[in-house]
Amino acid sequence: MKTQLTPEQIASFRENGYVTQEDFLSPAELEQWRAVLDASLKKRGNERILGVDVVKDNSDQYYDRVFIQRVNLWQDNPAWASMVLSPEIGQMCCALEGIDGIRVWHDQTLIKAPWANPTSWHIDNPYWSFSSKHSISIWVALDDATLENGCLFFLPGTQKLATFDAVGIGADMAALFKTYPQWSKFKSVAAPMKAGSCSFHNGLTAHGAHANMTPGFRRAMTCAFMPDGSTFNGKQNIIPRDRFEKLKIGDPLEDDRFNPLVWSRSKKPTVSVAVDYFAQQKAAKAQAAGA
């Protein structure tokens, strides 16, 4: 992985709320990521969120035609966890945000199938179970992301102006501007990327994507991270109900089984703790099924 960031990239990220890294993956790494992702998707099947949400056959719904979404693949594939939760990626996120440690929130596939709908303008962090001006996501292109098949677009600088008001991702491409009318005058910037390149964006940076106007797939994988020390804000989001019902607003989201520390300036990463936990859960489930 090409993990070295220049001072110019860091300065651009903090000013604009996003930055790209060309050739983030080597050709060999790109093939490995694609192979592991394909295996993970086959294994996951129709579970959108592991143990929480199963995708139903409602293909006429607009959102289901935006992208194929599977969340927290890292929890049921140790090979994927070793790649997307690497300390090198965590350190890059911390360098961009100027923070000392970072934990995973969730990964997800964002695969635009042929002729998929556009992704309307939105900001990420208001959906999540913590609120932070320093949340950050990596978005890795596993196919060329072009103007024709659904590359990202950003509204630079919006991370400095955003609140934590949530706006749904639906058929109205401009719904975000009802909450932030001043942004409708901003100039968007396209971020086409060749396969193996990536971008990082702040959790409050407005972004969207074109429709896929081609007969091919646009595969992308993203992972969202939260600063170490983030606390629960009352929203369930991806948290399973049994955990959600035990949380109180203000509780730290620091359970190493579910939100392991990916990188820290002063503490040891705990991704292996989480991987071991989910391996044990899988083994216990298999044993119970065979009993």
Protein backbone atom coordinates (compact mmCIF):
# COMPACT_ATOMS: atom_id res chain seq x y z
CA MET A 1 0.00 0.00 0.00
CA LYS A 2 1.10 3.53 -0.75
CA THR A 3 0.65 4.99 2.71
CA GLN A 4 2.90 8.05 2.70
CA LEU A 5 0.96 11.33 2.73
CA THR A 6 2.56 14.61 1.75
CA PRO A 7 2.12 17.81 3.78
CA GLU A 8 0.25 19.20 0.78
CA GLN A 9 -2.25 16.31 0.87
CA ILE A 10 -2.86 16.80 4.59
CA ALA A 11 -3.36 20.54 4.15
CA SER A 12 -5.74 19.96 1.23
CA PHE A 13 -7.75 17.44 3.23
CA ARG A 14 -8.18 19.80 6.16
CA GLU A 15 -9.22 22.63 3.85
CA ASN A 16 -11.51 20.72 1.50
CA GLY A 17 -12.64 17.74 3.55
CA TYR A 18 -11.32 15.09 1.15
CA VAL A 19 -8.16 13.97 -0.61
CA THR A 20 -7.24 11.26 -3.10
CA GLN A 21 -4.31 8.85 -3.10
CA GLU A 22 -3.44 7.51 -6.54
CA ASP A 23 -2.09 3.96 -6.80
CA PHE A 24 -2.91 3.25 -3.15
CA LEU A 25 -2.83 -0.47 -3.91
CA SER A 26 -0.20 -2.18 -6.02
CA PRO A 27 -1.51 -4.36 -8.90
CA ALA A 28 -0.95 -7.48 -6.78
CA GLU A 29 -2.71 -5.95 -3.77
CA LEU A 30 -5.62 -4.88 -5.96
CA GLU A 31 -6.12 -8.44 -7.15
CA GLN A 32 -5.94 -9.68 -3.57
CA TRP A 33 -8.55 -7.16 -2.37
CA ARG A 34 -10.85 -8.12 -5.25
CA ALA A 35 -10.49 -11.85 -4.55
CA VAL A 36 -11.08 -11.51 -0.81
CA LEU A 37 -14.04 -9.21 -1.39
CA ASP A 38 -15.63 -11.64 -3.84
CA ALA A 39 -15.20 -14.49 -1.35
CA SER A 40 -16.62 -12.37 1.47
CA LEU A 41 -19.69 -11.42 -0.55
CA LYS A 42 -20.35 -15.04 -1.49
CA LYS A 43 -20.06 -16.05 2.14
CA ARG A 44 -22.30 -13.24 3.39
CA GLY A 45 -25.16 -13.86 1.01
CA ASN A 46 -28.23 -11.69 1.68
CA GLU A 47 -27.23 -10.42 5.12
CA ARG A 48 -26.70 -6.68 4.69
CA ILE A 49 -25.46 -6.25 8.28
CA LEU A 50 -24.08 -9.34 10.00
CA GLY A 51 -26.71 -10.73 12.38
CA VAL A 52 -28.91 -7.65 12.06
CA ASP A 53 -30.45 -7.09 8.65
CA VAL A 54 -31.31 -9.41 5.76
CA VAL A 55 -31.84 -7.95 2.29
CA LYS A 56 -35.35 -8.66 1.05
CA ASP A 57 -36.41 -9.07 -2.55
CA ASN A 58 -37.65 -5.55 -3.10
CA SER A 59 -35.65 -4.66 -6.19
CA ASP A 60 -38.20 -2.03 -7.25
CA GLN A 61 -37.17 0.16 -4.34
CA TYR A 62 -34.98 3.11 -5.33
CA TYR A 63 -32.34 2.65 -2.64
CA ASP A 64 -31.76 -0.99 -3.54
CA ARG A 65 -30.81 0.16 -7.02
CA VAL A 66 -28.23 2.69 -5.75
CA PHE A 67 -25.63 0.13 -4.71
CA ILE A 68 -25.10 -3.39 -3.39
CA GLN A 69 -24.32 -2.85 0.27
CA ARG A 70 -22.89 -5.35 2.74
CA VAL A 71 -21.70 -4.03 6.10
CA ASN A 72 -18.97 -5.23 8.48
CA LEU A 73 -17.44 -7.88 6.27
CA TRP A 74 -14.40 -7.62 8.54
CA GLN A 75 -16.38 -9.38 11.27
CA ASP A 76 -16.79 -12.63 9.36
CA ASN A 77 -13.60 -12.69 7.29
CA PRO A 78 -10.23 -12.41 9.07
CA ALA A 79 -8.44 -11.93 5.74
CA TRP A 80 -10.56 -8.89 5.01
CA ALA A 81 -10.03 -7.55 8.54
CA SER A 82 -6.27 -7.75 8.09
CA MET A 83 -6.49 -5.54 5.00
CA VAL A 84 -9.14 -2.94 5.70
CA LEU A 85 -8.27 -2.58 9.40
CA SER A 86 -4.53 -2.37 8.87
CA PRO A 87 -2.65 -0.04 11.23
CA GLU A 88 -1.21 1.71 8.17
CA ILE A 89 -4.68 2.84 7.10
CA GLY A 90 -5.48 3.86 10.67
CA GLN A 91 -2.32 5.93 10.89
CA MET A 92 -3.15 7.68 7.60
CA CYS A 93 -6.59 8.59 8.96
CA CYS A 94 -5.08 9.97 12.15
CA ALA A 95 -2.55 12.02 10.22
CA LEU A 96 -5.28 13.55 8.06
CA GLU A 97 -7.55 14.36 11.00
CA GLY A 98 -4.79 15.33 13.44
CA ILE A 99 -5.90 12.85 16.11
CA ASP A 100 -4.01 10.36 18.29
CA GLY A 101 -6.04 7.17 17.83
CA ILE A 102 -8.83 5.68 15.77
CA ARG A 103 -11.35 2.85 15.98
CA VAL A 104 -13.38 1.19 13.26
CA TRP A 105 -17.05 2.09 12.94
CA HIS A 106 -17.96 -0.11 10.00
CA ASP A 107 -16.82 -1.18 6.58
CA GLN A 108 -19.22 -1.60 3.67
CA THR A 109 -19.35 -2.52 0.03
CA LEU A 110 -20.65 0.22 -2.24
CA ILE A 111 -21.01 -1.66 -5.51
CA LYS A 112 -22.93 0.01 -8.30
CA ALA A 113 -24.48 -2.66 -10.47
CA PRO A 114 -25.03 -2.00 -14.18
CA TRP A 115 -27.43 0.92 -14.68
CA ALA A 116 -27.58 1.63 -10.94
CA ASN A 117 -29.23 4.79 -9.60
CA PRO A 118 -27.17 7.82 -8.53
CA THR A 119 -26.22 8.33 -4.89
CA SER A 120 -27.81 11.57 -3.72
CA TRP A 121 -25.86 14.27 -1.90
CA HIS A 122 -25.37 13.38 1.77
CA ILE A 123 -23.03 13.56 4.74
CA ASP A 124 -22.10 10.42 6.67
CA ASN A 125 -21.64 11.12 10.36
CA PRO A 126 -25.25 12.13 11.18
CA TYR A 127 -26.34 8.52 10.50
CA TRP A 128 -23.88 7.02 12.94
CA SER A 129 -24.08 6.29 16.67
CA PHE A 130 -21.44 8.85 17.59
CA SER A 131 -20.99 12.51 16.66
CA SER A 132 -17.54 13.77 15.77
CA LYS A 133 -15.97 16.43 13.60
CA HIS A 134 -13.07 14.03 13.07
CA SER A 135 -14.78 10.90 11.75
CA ILE A 136 -13.23 9.79 8.48
CA SER A 137 -13.75 7.21 5.74
CA ILE A 138 -11.48 5.58 3.21
CA TRP A 139 -13.07 4.78 -0.19
CA VAL A 140 -11.11 2.30 -2.32
CA ALA A 141 -11.84 1.90 -6.04
CA LEU A 142 -11.68 -1.78 -6.98
CA ASP A 143 -12.74 -0.98 -10.54
CA ASP A 144 -12.07 2.22 -12.42
CA ALA A 145 -14.52 4.81 -11.04
CA THR A 146 -15.41 7.10 -13.93
CA LEU A 147 -17.82 9.85 -14.83
CA GLU A 148 -19.80 7.22 -16.72
CA ASN A 149 -20.10 4.52 -14.06
CA GLY A 150 -20.56 6.44 -10.81
CA CYS A 151 -17.45 8.17 -9.50
CA LEU A 152 -17.63 10.27 -6.35
CA PHE A 153 -18.30 14.00 -6.28
CA PHE A 154 -17.50 16.27 -3.32
CA LEU A 155 -18.57 19.72 -2.16
CA PRO A 156 -15.26 21.08 -0.84
CA GLY A 157 -15.27 22.79 2.53
CA THR A 158 -18.71 21.63 3.64
CA GLN A 159 -17.19 19.76 6.60
CA LYS A 160 -16.51 23.14 8.20
CA LEU A 161 -20.16 24.20 7.94
CA ALA A 162 -22.11 21.01 8.54
CA THR A 163 -24.17 20.17 11.61
CA PHE A 164 -25.24 16.67 12.63
CA ASP A 165 -28.67 16.88 10.97
CA ALA A 166 -29.37 13.68 9.02
CA VAL A 167 -30.69 13.73 5.47
CA GLY A 168 -31.78 10.48 3.84
CA ILE A 169 -30.22 9.04 0.69
CA GLY A 170 -33.21 8.78 -1.63
CA ALA A 171 -34.47 9.60 -5.08
CA ASP A 172 -34.19 13.37 -4.55
CA MET A 173 -30.60 14.13 -5.52
CA ALA A 174 -30.84 17.62 -3.97
CA ALA A 175 -32.60 16.77 -0.68
CA LEU A 176 -29.48 17.79 1.27
CA PHE A 177 -29.91 21.38 0.10
CA LYS A 178 -33.21 21.69 1.95
CA THR A 179 -31.17 21.43 5.15
CA TYR A 180 -28.18 23.36 3.80
CA PRO A 181 -29.62 25.75 1.15
CA GLN A 182 -26.40 27.75 0.92
CA TRP A 183 -24.56 24.67 -0.37
CA SER A 184 -26.68 24.60 -3.53
CA LYS A 185 -24.45 27.40 -4.85
CA PHE A 186 -21.21 25.49 -4.22
CA LYS A 187 -19.26 24.01 -7.12
CA SER A 188 -18.92 20.25 -6.96
CA VAL A 189 -15.66 18.49 -7.78
CA ALA A 190 -15.55 15.08 -9.46
CA ALA A 191 -13.12 12.47 -8.15
CA PRO A 192 -12.66 9.82 -10.84
CA MET A 193 -10.18 7.16 -9.77
CA LYS A 194 -8.51 4.26 -11.48
CA ALA A 195 -8.76 0.87 -9.82
CA GLY A 196 -6.43 0.64 -6.84
CA SER A 197 -6.60 4.33 -5.98
CA CYS A 198 -8.51 5.65 -2.99
CA SER A 199 -9.90 8.74 -1.36
CA PHE A 200 -10.38 9.83 2.22
CA HIS A 201 -13.21 12.12 3.30
CA ASN A 202 -14.32 13.65 6.56
CA GLY A 203 -17.63 12.37 7.95
CA LEU A 204 -19.21 15.82 7.51
CA THR A 205 -18.09 16.42 3.92
CA ALA A 206 -20.96 16.44 1.44
CA HIS A 207 -20.58 13.90 -1.34
CA GLY A 208 -22.57 11.89 -3.85
CA ALA A 209 -22.09 9.80 -6.98
CA HIS A 210 -23.32 9.55 -10.54
CA ALA A 211 -25.57 6.79 -11.77
CA ASN A 212 -23.84 3.85 -13.40
CA MET A 213 -24.56 4.45 -17.08
CA THR A 214 -22.66 1.35 -18.20
CA PRO A 215 -23.31 -2.42 -18.42
CA GLY A 216 -20.43 -3.14 -16.02
CA PHE A 217 -20.01 -3.09 -12.25
CA ARG A 218 -18.32 -0.31 -10.30
CA ARG A 219 -16.92 -2.03 -7.24
CA ALA A 220 -15.77 0.06 -4.29
CA MET A 221 -15.06 -0.72 -0.66
CA THR A 222 -15.21 1.84 2.10
CA CYS A 223 -14.47 1.83 5.80
CA ALA A 224 -15.56 4.43 8.34
CA PHE A 225 -13.50 5.23 11.41
CA MET A 226 -14.17 7.15 14.61
CA PRO A 227 -11.68 8.87 16.91
CA ASP A 228 -10.68 6.88 19.96
CA GLY A 229 -12.75 8.24 22.85
CA SER A 230 -15.97 8.73 20.85
CA THR A 231 -19.20 8.29 22.80
CA PHE A 232 -22.70 6.98 22.11
CA ASN A 233 -25.20 9.60 20.87
CA GLY A 234 -28.40 7.56 21.16
CA LYS A 235 -28.73 6.39 17.53
CA GLN A 236 -28.87 2.67 16.83
CA ASN A 237 -27.52 2.65 13.26
CA ILE A 238 -25.66 -0.69 12.86
CA ILE A 239 -25.60 -1.64 16.56
CA PRO A 240 -27.45 -4.93 17.24
CA ARG A 241 -30.48 -4.48 19.48
CA ASP A 242 -29.05 -6.41 22.44
CA ARG A 243 -26.08 -4.04 22.62
CA PHE A 244 -28.11 -0.96 21.78
CA GLU A 245 -30.51 -1.52 24.67
CA LYS A 246 -27.63 -1.58 27.15
CA LEU A 247 -26.00 1.66 25.98
CA LYS A 248 -26.64 5.05 27.54
CA ILE A 249 -25.96 8.37 25.86
CA GLY A 250 -22.40 9.37 26.69
CA ASP A 251 -21.11 5.81 27.07
CA PRO A 252 -17.70 5.37 25.41
CA LEU A 253 -17.73 3.21 22.28
CA GLU A 254 -14.57 1.36 23.18
CA ASP A 255 -15.55 -2.31 23.30
CA ASP A 256 -12.60 -3.92 21.54
CA ARG A 257 -14.78 -6.76 20.27
CA PHE A 258 -16.93 -4.48 18.12
CA ASN A 259 -14.97 -1.26 17.68
CA PRO A 260 -11.33 -2.31 17.92
CA LEU A 261 -8.53 0.22 18.03
CA VAL A 262 -6.94 0.26 14.58
CA TRP A 263 -4.06 2.61 15.36
CA SER A 264 -3.00 4.74 18.29
CA ARG A 265 -0.03 6.89 19.13
CA SER A 266 0.09 5.51 22.68
CA LYS A 267 -1.89 2.24 22.82
CA LYS A 268 -1.65 -1.18 21.19
CA PRO A 269 -4.14 -1.92 18.39
CA THR A 270 -6.85 -4.43 19.33
CA VAL A 271 -8.05 -5.70 15.94
CA SER A 272 -6.82 -9.20 16.83
CA VAL A 273 -9.11 -9.19 19.90
CA ALA A 274 -12.13 -8.55 17.68
CA VAL A 275 -11.09 -11.12 15.06
CA ASP A 276 -10.67 -13.78 17.76
CA TYR A 277 -14.04 -12.90 19.28
CA PHE A 278 -15.94 -13.33 16.02
CA ALA A 279 -14.06 -16.55 15.25
CA GLN A 280 -15.18 -17.91 18.63
CA GLN A 281 -18.76 -16.79 17.96
CA LYS A 282 -18.71 -18.56 14.61
CA ALA A 283 -17.32 -21.75 16.13
CA ALA A 284 -19.92 -21.75 18.92
CA LYS A 285 -22.73 -21.22 16.39
CA ALA A 286 -21.46 -24.08 14.23
CA GLN A 287 -21.19 -26.35 17.26
CA ALA A 288 -24.72 -25.50 18.37
CA ALA A 289 -26.07 -26.16 14.87
CA GLY A 290 -24.41 -29.59 14.83
CA ALA A 291 -25.56 -30.60 18.31
